[in-house]
């Protein structure tokens, strides 16, 4: 995830610098974007909480395998995409900080910083939910080596 964030940060900063160097305005980031990132994180967290409750024997009903699969895939995607988005919005902030005299660029820097923080949060939620979905090894799994022969070598 850190590599994804770093690559996205460098690429977005360089590309936005070149883009703005030609006299173009950097893309605006809206508060709606931040709200969507937070909503996705909340949905992934809610799905993960269901799996966590079952694994801790608090839930009375087992979630279906499809729900568990969707939850872990959503968590993995959130971890990776959250890192990429954090880098993307971090690049916006970096370019906007070069000229804070403009009200528009101040707004881009502010909303971009909040979006980057929300994206880091999305990534963290993804990592936490992945850990909740991890299947523990059974004690008797140590005896099987996958070759069909349970006897020691």
N, C-alpha and C. Protein backbone atom coordinates (compact mmCIF):
# COMPACT_ATOMS: atom_id res chain seq x y z
N UNK A 1 0.82 -1.18 0.00
CA UNK A 1 0.00 0.00 0.00
C UNK A 1 0.87 1.26 0.00
N UNK A 2 1.96 1.25 0.74
CA UNK A 2 2.83 2.42 0.79
C UNK A 2 3.45 2.70 -0.57
N UNK A 3 3.78 1.65 -1.30
CA UNK A 3 4.34 1.82 -2.64
C UNK A 3 3.30 2.43 -3.56
N UNK A 4 2.08 1.94 -3.48
CA UNK A 4 0.99 2.48 -4.30
C UNK A 4 0.79 3.96 -4.01
N UNK A 5 0.79 4.32 -2.75
CA UNK A 5 0.61 5.72 -2.36
C UNK A 5 1.76 6.58 -2.88
N UNK A 6 2.98 6.09 -2.72
CA UNK A 6 4.14 6.87 -3.16
C UNK A 6 4.16 7.05 -4.67
N UNK A 7 3.87 6.00 -5.41
CA UNK A 7 3.86 6.09 -6.87
C UNK A 7 2.76 7.05 -7.32
N UNK A 8 1.57 6.93 -6.74
CA UNK A 8 0.47 7.83 -7.11
C UNK A 8 0.79 9.27 -6.76
N UNK A 9 1.44 9.49 -5.63
CA UNK A 9 1.81 10.84 -5.22
C UNK A 9 2.79 11.47 -6.21
N UNK A 10 3.82 10.74 -6.55
CA UNK A 10 4.83 11.27 -7.47
C UNK A 10 4.23 11.51 -8.85
N UNK A 11 3.48 10.53 -9.35
CA UNK A 11 2.88 10.67 -10.68
C UNK A 11 1.89 11.83 -10.74
N UNK A 12 1.03 11.93 -9.75
CA UNK A 12 0.04 13.00 -9.78
C UNK A 12 0.69 14.37 -9.63
N UNK A 13 1.70 14.47 -8.79
CA UNK A 13 2.39 15.75 -8.62
C UNK A 13 3.06 16.18 -9.93
N UNK A 14 3.79 15.25 -10.54
CA UNK A 14 4.49 15.58 -11.78
C UNK A 14 3.51 15.92 -12.89
N UNK A 15 2.48 15.09 -13.06
CA UNK A 15 1.51 15.33 -14.13
C UNK A 15 0.73 16.63 -13.91
N UNK A 16 0.35 16.91 -12.67
CA UNK A 16 -0.38 18.15 -12.41
C UNK A 16 0.52 19.38 -12.56
N UNK A 17 1.80 19.23 -12.25
CA UNK A 17 2.76 20.34 -12.45
C UNK A 17 2.89 20.65 -13.94
N UNK A 18 3.04 19.60 -14.74
CA UNK A 18 3.14 19.79 -16.19
C UNK A 18 1.85 20.39 -16.73
N UNK A 19 0.72 19.86 -16.28
CA UNK A 19 -0.59 20.34 -16.72
C UNK A 19 -0.76 21.82 -16.40
N UNK A 20 -0.44 22.20 -15.17
CA UNK A 20 -0.59 23.60 -14.78
C UNK A 20 0.49 24.48 -15.41
N UNK A 21 1.62 23.88 -15.77
CA UNK A 21 2.68 24.63 -16.43
C UNK A 21 2.28 25.12 -17.81
N UNK A 22 1.36 24.42 -18.43
CA UNK A 22 0.84 24.84 -19.74
C UNK A 22 -0.32 25.83 -19.62
N UNK A 23 -0.55 26.30 -18.42
CA UNK A 23 -1.59 27.30 -18.21
C UNK A 23 -2.96 26.74 -17.90
N UNK A 24 -3.07 25.44 -17.71
CA UNK A 24 -4.34 24.82 -17.38
C UNK A 24 -4.56 24.83 -15.87
N UNK A 25 -5.81 24.88 -15.48
CA UNK A 25 -6.15 24.83 -14.05
C UNK A 25 -6.15 23.38 -13.59
N UNK A 26 -5.66 23.15 -12.37
CA UNK A 26 -5.70 21.78 -11.85
C UNK A 26 -7.15 21.43 -11.51
N UNK A 27 -7.50 20.16 -11.64
CA UNK A 27 -8.89 19.76 -11.40
C UNK A 27 -9.34 20.10 -9.98
N UNK A 28 -10.57 20.51 -9.88
CA UNK A 28 -11.13 20.85 -8.57
C UNK A 28 -11.58 19.58 -7.86
N UNK A 29 -11.44 19.56 -6.56
CA UNK A 29 -11.88 18.45 -5.74
C UNK A 29 -13.08 18.95 -4.92
N UNK A 30 -14.15 18.19 -4.95
CA UNK A 30 -15.36 18.64 -4.26
C UNK A 30 -15.52 17.90 -2.93
N UNK A 31 -16.35 18.47 -2.08
CA UNK A 31 -16.65 17.84 -0.79
C UNK A 31 -17.45 16.56 -1.00
N UNK A 32 -18.16 16.47 -2.12
CA UNK A 32 -18.90 15.26 -2.44
C UNK A 32 -17.94 14.08 -2.57
N UNK A 33 -16.77 14.32 -3.13
CA UNK A 33 -15.76 13.28 -3.27
C UNK A 33 -15.36 12.74 -1.89
N UNK A 34 -15.15 13.63 -0.95
CA UNK A 34 -14.78 13.22 0.41
C UNK A 34 -15.92 12.40 1.02
N UNK A 35 -17.15 12.84 0.81
CA UNK A 35 -18.30 12.12 1.36
C UNK A 35 -18.40 10.71 0.79
N UNK A 36 -18.14 10.55 -0.50
CA UNK A 36 -18.20 9.22 -1.12
C UNK A 36 -17.11 8.31 -0.56
N UNK A 37 -15.92 8.84 -0.38
CA UNK A 37 -14.82 8.03 0.19
C UNK A 37 -15.19 7.57 1.60
N UNK A 38 -15.73 8.46 2.40
CA UNK A 38 -16.13 8.12 3.77
C UNK A 38 -17.27 7.09 3.76
N UNK A 39 -18.22 7.25 2.85
CA UNK A 39 -19.34 6.31 2.75
C UNK A 39 -18.86 4.91 2.37
N UNK A 40 -17.94 4.83 1.42
CA UNK A 40 -17.41 3.53 1.02
C UNK A 40 -16.69 2.88 2.21
N UNK A 41 -15.91 3.66 2.94
CA UNK A 41 -15.24 3.13 4.12
C UNK A 41 -16.23 2.61 5.15
N UNK A 42 -17.33 3.34 5.36
CA UNK A 42 -18.34 2.91 6.33
C UNK A 42 -19.02 1.61 5.88
N UNK A 43 -19.28 1.47 4.59
CA UNK A 43 -19.91 0.25 4.09
C UNK A 43 -18.99 -0.96 4.22
N UNK A 44 -17.72 -0.78 3.91
CA UNK A 44 -16.76 -1.87 4.06
C UNK A 44 -16.62 -2.25 5.53
N UNK A 45 -16.58 -1.25 6.40
CA UNK A 45 -16.48 -1.50 7.83
C UNK A 45 -17.71 -2.25 8.34
N UNK A 46 -18.89 -1.88 7.87
CA UNK A 46 -20.12 -2.55 8.29
C UNK A 46 -20.12 -4.02 7.85
N UNK A 47 -19.69 -4.26 6.61
CA UNK A 47 -19.61 -5.65 6.14
C UNK A 47 -18.59 -6.44 6.93
N UNK A 48 -17.47 -5.83 7.24
CA UNK A 48 -16.45 -6.51 8.03
C UNK A 48 -16.90 -6.77 9.45
N UNK A 49 -17.70 -5.88 10.00
CA UNK A 49 -18.18 -6.04 11.37
C UNK A 49 -19.05 -7.29 11.49
N UNK A 50 -19.81 -7.58 10.45
CA UNK A 50 -20.66 -8.77 10.45
C UNK A 50 -19.78 -10.04 10.51
N UNK A 51 -18.72 -10.05 9.75
CA UNK A 51 -17.81 -11.20 9.76
C UNK A 51 -17.10 -11.30 11.11
N UNK A 52 -16.67 -10.15 11.63
CA UNK A 52 -15.98 -10.12 12.92
C UNK A 52 -16.89 -10.65 14.04
N UNK A 53 -18.13 -10.22 14.03
CA UNK A 53 -19.07 -10.68 15.06
C UNK A 53 -19.25 -12.19 15.01
N UNK A 54 -19.35 -12.72 13.81
CA UNK A 54 -19.49 -14.16 13.68
C UNK A 54 -18.24 -14.89 14.17
N UNK A 55 -17.08 -14.40 13.81
CA UNK A 55 -15.83 -15.06 14.20
C UNK A 55 -15.59 -14.99 15.70
N UNK A 56 -16.13 -13.98 16.36
CA UNK A 56 -15.99 -13.87 17.81
C UNK A 56 -17.17 -14.52 18.55
N UNK A 57 -17.99 -15.26 17.82
CA UNK A 57 -19.13 -16.01 18.37
C UNK A 57 -20.17 -15.10 19.01
N UNK A 58 -20.32 -13.90 18.49
CA UNK A 58 -21.36 -12.98 18.99
C UNK A 58 -22.59 -13.04 18.12
N UNK A 59 -22.44 -13.38 16.86
CA UNK A 59 -23.57 -13.43 15.94
C UNK A 59 -24.24 -14.79 16.04
N UNK A 60 -25.56 -14.79 15.90
CA UNK A 60 -26.30 -16.05 15.99
C UNK A 60 -26.40 -16.73 14.63
N UNK A 61 -26.15 -15.99 13.58
CA UNK A 61 -26.32 -16.50 12.23
C UNK A 61 -25.00 -16.36 11.46
N UNK A 62 -24.64 -17.42 10.77
CA UNK A 62 -23.42 -17.40 9.97
C UNK A 62 -23.68 -16.62 8.67
N UNK A 63 -22.78 -15.68 8.31
CA UNK A 63 -22.95 -14.99 7.03
C UNK A 63 -22.68 -15.98 5.88
N UNK A 64 -23.32 -15.75 4.77
CA UNK A 64 -23.14 -16.65 3.63
C UNK A 64 -21.72 -16.53 3.09
N UNK A 65 -21.22 -17.56 2.45
CA UNK A 65 -19.88 -17.48 1.87
C UNK A 65 -19.75 -16.35 0.84
N UNK A 66 -20.83 -16.06 0.12
CA UNK A 66 -20.79 -14.97 -0.86
C UNK A 66 -20.59 -13.62 -0.17
N UNK A 67 -21.26 -13.43 0.96
CA UNK A 67 -21.10 -12.18 1.71
C UNK A 67 -19.68 -12.06 2.23
N UNK A 68 -19.14 -13.15 2.74
CA UNK A 68 -17.77 -13.14 3.26
C UNK A 68 -16.78 -12.84 2.13
N UNK A 69 -17.00 -13.47 0.97
CA UNK A 69 -16.11 -13.23 -0.17
C UNK A 69 -16.18 -11.79 -0.64
N UNK A 70 -17.38 -11.25 -0.75
CA UNK A 70 -17.54 -9.85 -1.17
C UNK A 70 -16.90 -8.90 -0.17
N UNK A 71 -17.02 -9.23 1.09
CA UNK A 71 -16.44 -8.38 2.13
C UNK A 71 -14.93 -8.34 2.03
N UNK A 72 -14.30 -9.48 1.88
CA UNK A 72 -12.84 -9.50 1.83
C UNK A 72 -12.33 -8.87 0.54
N UNK A 73 -13.04 -9.07 -0.57
CA UNK A 73 -12.62 -8.43 -1.83
C UNK A 73 -12.79 -6.92 -1.74
N UNK A 74 -13.87 -6.47 -1.12
CA UNK A 74 -14.07 -5.03 -0.93
C UNK A 74 -12.99 -4.45 -0.02
N UNK A 75 -12.61 -5.19 0.99
CA UNK A 75 -11.56 -4.72 1.90
C UNK A 75 -10.22 -4.62 1.17
N UNK A 76 -9.89 -5.62 0.36
CA UNK A 76 -8.64 -5.57 -0.40
C UNK A 76 -8.64 -4.40 -1.37
N UNK A 77 -9.75 -4.20 -2.07
CA UNK A 77 -9.84 -3.09 -3.01
C UNK A 77 -9.75 -1.75 -2.28
N UNK A 78 -10.38 -1.65 -1.12
CA UNK A 78 -10.33 -0.41 -0.35
C UNK A 78 -8.92 -0.08 0.11
N UNK A 79 -8.19 -1.10 0.51
CA UNK A 79 -6.81 -0.87 0.96
C UNK A 79 -5.95 -0.33 -0.17
N UNK A 80 -6.07 -0.93 -1.34
CA UNK A 80 -5.24 -0.49 -2.47
C UNK A 80 -5.71 0.83 -3.06
N UNK A 81 -6.99 0.95 -3.29
CA UNK A 81 -7.53 2.18 -3.89
C UNK A 81 -7.40 3.35 -2.93
N UNK A 82 -7.56 3.11 -1.65
CA UNK A 82 -7.37 4.17 -0.66
C UNK A 82 -5.97 4.73 -0.71
N UNK A 83 -4.98 3.86 -0.85
CA UNK A 83 -3.60 4.32 -0.97
C UNK A 83 -3.37 5.11 -2.24
N UNK A 84 -3.92 4.64 -3.35
CA UNK A 84 -3.76 5.35 -4.62
C UNK A 84 -4.45 6.72 -4.58
N UNK A 85 -5.64 6.76 -4.01
CA UNK A 85 -6.35 8.04 -3.91
C UNK A 85 -5.63 9.01 -2.98
N UNK A 86 -5.06 8.50 -1.91
CA UNK A 86 -4.31 9.37 -1.00
C UNK A 86 -3.14 10.02 -1.74
N UNK A 87 -2.46 9.24 -2.56
CA UNK A 87 -1.38 9.80 -3.36
C UNK A 87 -1.87 10.80 -4.39
N UNK A 88 -2.97 10.49 -5.04
CA UNK A 88 -3.55 11.38 -6.04
C UNK A 88 -3.92 12.73 -5.42
N UNK A 89 -4.63 12.69 -4.32
CA UNK A 89 -5.04 13.94 -3.67
C UNK A 89 -3.85 14.64 -3.02
N UNK A 90 -2.88 13.87 -2.57
CA UNK A 90 -1.66 14.47 -2.05
C UNK A 90 -0.92 15.25 -3.12
N UNK A 91 -0.92 14.75 -4.34
CA UNK A 91 -0.33 15.48 -5.46
C UNK A 91 -1.05 16.78 -5.73
N UNK A 92 -2.37 16.77 -5.63
CA UNK A 92 -3.15 18.01 -5.77
C UNK A 92 -2.73 19.03 -4.72
N UNK A 93 -2.60 18.55 -3.50
CA UNK A 93 -2.22 19.45 -2.40
C UNK A 93 -0.82 20.02 -2.65
N UNK A 94 0.09 19.17 -3.08
CA UNK A 94 1.44 19.64 -3.35
C UNK A 94 1.50 20.72 -4.40
N UNK A 95 0.75 20.56 -5.47
CA UNK A 95 0.73 21.57 -6.54
C UNK A 95 0.00 22.82 -6.06
N UNK A 96 -1.09 22.65 -5.32
CA UNK A 96 -1.86 23.81 -4.86
C UNK A 96 -1.08 24.63 -3.83
N UNK A 97 -0.23 23.98 -3.05
CA UNK A 97 0.54 24.71 -2.04
C UNK A 97 1.57 25.66 -2.65
N UNK A 98 1.88 25.47 -3.93
CA UNK A 98 2.87 26.34 -4.56
C UNK A 98 2.35 27.76 -4.79
N UNK A 99 1.02 27.93 -4.74
CA UNK A 99 0.45 29.25 -4.97
C UNK A 99 -0.81 29.41 -4.13
N UNK A 100 -0.64 29.72 -2.87
CA UNK A 100 -1.80 29.87 -1.99
C UNK A 100 -2.41 31.27 -2.04
N UNK A 101 -1.91 32.12 -2.94
CA UNK A 101 -2.51 33.45 -3.10
C UNK A 101 -3.89 33.36 -3.75
N UNK A 102 -4.11 32.31 -4.49
CA UNK A 102 -5.38 32.12 -5.18
C UNK A 102 -6.39 31.45 -4.24
N UNK A 103 -7.60 32.00 -4.19
CA UNK A 103 -8.65 31.40 -3.36
C UNK A 103 -8.99 29.99 -3.85
N UNK A 104 -9.01 29.81 -5.15
CA UNK A 104 -9.33 28.51 -5.73
C UNK A 104 -8.30 27.46 -5.32
N UNK A 105 -7.01 27.81 -5.39
CA UNK A 105 -5.98 26.85 -5.03
C UNK A 105 -5.95 26.58 -3.53
N UNK A 106 -6.33 27.58 -2.73
CA UNK A 106 -6.46 27.35 -1.29
C UNK A 106 -7.57 26.34 -1.02
N UNK A 107 -8.67 26.48 -1.75
CA UNK A 107 -9.78 25.53 -1.61
C UNK A 107 -9.37 24.13 -2.07
N UNK A 108 -8.64 24.05 -3.18
CA UNK A 108 -8.15 22.76 -3.67
C UNK A 108 -7.23 22.12 -2.63
N UNK A 109 -6.35 22.92 -2.03
CA UNK A 109 -5.43 22.40 -1.02
C UNK A 109 -6.19 21.89 0.20
N UNK A 110 -7.17 22.63 0.65
CA UNK A 110 -7.94 22.23 1.83
C UNK A 110 -8.73 20.96 1.57
N UNK A 111 -9.53 20.95 0.51
CA UNK A 111 -10.36 19.79 0.22
C UNK A 111 -9.47 18.59 -0.16
N UNK A 112 -8.37 18.86 -0.86
CA UNK A 112 -7.45 17.78 -1.21
C UNK A 112 -6.82 17.14 0.01
N UNK A 113 -6.47 17.95 1.00
CA UNK A 113 -5.89 17.41 2.23
C UNK A 113 -6.91 16.55 2.97
N UNK A 114 -8.14 17.02 3.04
CA UNK A 114 -9.19 16.24 3.71
C UNK A 114 -9.47 14.95 2.93
N UNK A 115 -9.47 15.03 1.60
CA UNK A 115 -9.69 13.84 0.77
C UNK A 115 -8.54 12.85 0.94
N UNK A 116 -7.32 13.35 1.05
CA UNK A 116 -6.17 12.46 1.26
C UNK A 116 -6.27 11.76 2.61
N UNK A 117 -6.68 12.49 3.64
CA UNK A 117 -6.86 11.89 4.97
C UNK A 117 -7.97 10.85 4.94
N UNK A 118 -9.08 11.17 4.27
CA UNK A 118 -10.18 10.21 4.14
C UNK A 118 -9.74 8.98 3.36
N UNK A 119 -8.89 9.17 2.36
CA UNK A 119 -8.39 8.04 1.58
C UNK A 119 -7.46 7.16 2.42
N UNK A 120 -6.63 7.77 3.25
CA UNK A 120 -5.81 6.98 4.19
C UNK A 120 -6.73 6.20 5.13
N UNK A 121 -7.81 6.82 5.57
CA UNK A 121 -8.77 6.13 6.42
C UNK A 121 -9.41 4.95 5.71
N UNK A 122 -9.76 5.13 4.44
CA UNK A 122 -10.33 4.04 3.64
C UNK A 122 -9.34 2.89 3.54
N UNK A 123 -8.09 3.21 3.33
CA UNK A 123 -7.05 2.19 3.25
C UNK A 123 -6.90 1.46 4.58
N UNK A 124 -6.93 2.20 5.68
CA UNK A 124 -6.82 1.59 7.00
C UNK A 124 -8.02 0.68 7.29
N UNK A 125 -9.20 1.13 6.91
CA UNK A 125 -10.40 0.29 7.08
C UNK A 125 -10.25 -1.00 6.29
N UNK A 126 -9.75 -0.89 5.08
CA UNK A 126 -9.55 -2.08 4.26
C UNK A 126 -8.59 -3.07 4.91
N UNK A 127 -7.52 -2.56 5.47
CA UNK A 127 -6.54 -3.44 6.12
C UNK A 127 -7.12 -4.10 7.38
N UNK A 128 -7.88 -3.32 8.15
CA UNK A 128 -8.49 -3.87 9.38
C UNK A 128 -9.51 -4.94 9.04
N UNK A 129 -10.37 -4.66 8.06
CA UNK A 129 -11.40 -5.63 7.69
C UNK A 129 -10.76 -6.89 7.10
N UNK A 130 -9.68 -6.75 6.37
CA UNK A 130 -8.97 -7.94 5.88
C UNK A 130 -8.50 -8.80 7.05
N UNK A 131 -8.01 -8.17 8.10
CA UNK A 131 -7.55 -8.94 9.25
C UNK A 131 -8.72 -9.63 9.96
N UNK A 132 -9.88 -8.99 9.95
CA UNK A 132 -11.07 -9.61 10.55
C UNK A 132 -11.52 -10.82 9.74
N UNK A 133 -11.27 -10.81 8.44
CA UNK A 133 -11.72 -11.90 7.57
C UNK A 133 -10.70 -13.03 7.45
N UNK A 134 -9.56 -12.89 8.08
CA UNK A 134 -8.50 -13.90 7.98
C UNK A 134 -8.97 -15.19 8.64
N UNK A 135 -8.70 -16.30 7.97
CA UNK A 135 -9.07 -17.62 8.50
C UNK A 135 -7.90 -18.15 9.30
N UNK A 136 -8.18 -18.54 10.55
CA UNK A 136 -7.14 -19.09 11.41
C UNK A 136 -6.80 -20.51 10.98
N UNK A 137 -5.55 -20.90 11.19
CA UNK A 137 -5.15 -22.28 10.92
C UNK A 137 -5.69 -23.17 12.02
N UNK A 138 -6.18 -24.34 11.63
CA UNK A 138 -6.61 -25.32 12.61
C UNK A 138 -5.39 -26.06 13.14
N UNK A 139 -5.52 -26.63 14.33
CA UNK A 139 -4.41 -27.37 14.93
C UNK A 139 -4.03 -28.58 14.08
N UNK A 140 -5.03 -29.25 13.48
CA UNK A 140 -4.73 -30.46 12.72
C UNK A 140 -4.21 -30.15 11.31
N UNK A 141 -4.18 -28.88 10.89
CA UNK A 141 -3.65 -28.53 9.58
C UNK A 141 -2.14 -28.68 9.52
N UNK A 142 -1.47 -28.68 10.65
CA UNK A 142 -0.01 -28.80 10.67
C UNK A 142 0.46 -30.17 10.19
N UNK A 143 -0.40 -31.18 10.35
CA UNK A 143 -0.01 -32.53 9.98
C UNK A 143 -0.09 -32.78 8.48
N UNK A 144 -0.81 -31.94 7.74
CA UNK A 144 -1.01 -32.14 6.30
C UNK A 144 -0.11 -31.21 5.52
N UNK A 145 0.64 -31.80 4.62
CA UNK A 145 1.59 -31.01 3.84
C UNK A 145 1.11 -30.75 2.43
N UNK A 146 -0.10 -31.15 2.08
CA UNK A 146 -0.66 -30.88 0.76
C UNK A 146 -0.28 -31.94 -0.27
N UNK A 147 0.50 -32.96 0.12
CA UNK A 147 0.88 -33.99 -0.83
C UNK A 147 0.02 -35.24 -0.70
N UNK A 148 -0.97 -35.18 0.17
CA UNK A 148 -1.87 -36.32 0.35
C UNK A 148 -1.36 -37.34 1.36
N UNK A 149 -0.14 -37.18 1.82
CA UNK A 149 0.45 -38.11 2.76
C UNK A 149 0.58 -37.45 4.13
N UNK A 150 -0.31 -37.79 5.10
CA UNK A 150 -0.25 -37.14 6.40
C UNK A 150 0.89 -37.64 7.28
N UNK A 151 1.61 -38.68 6.86
CA UNK A 151 2.69 -39.18 7.70
C UNK A 151 3.91 -38.27 7.63
N UNK A 152 4.67 -38.17 8.74
CA UNK A 152 5.87 -37.31 8.74
C UNK A 152 6.92 -37.86 7.77
N UNK A 153 7.70 -36.97 7.23
CA UNK A 153 8.72 -37.37 6.25
C UNK A 153 9.94 -37.93 6.91
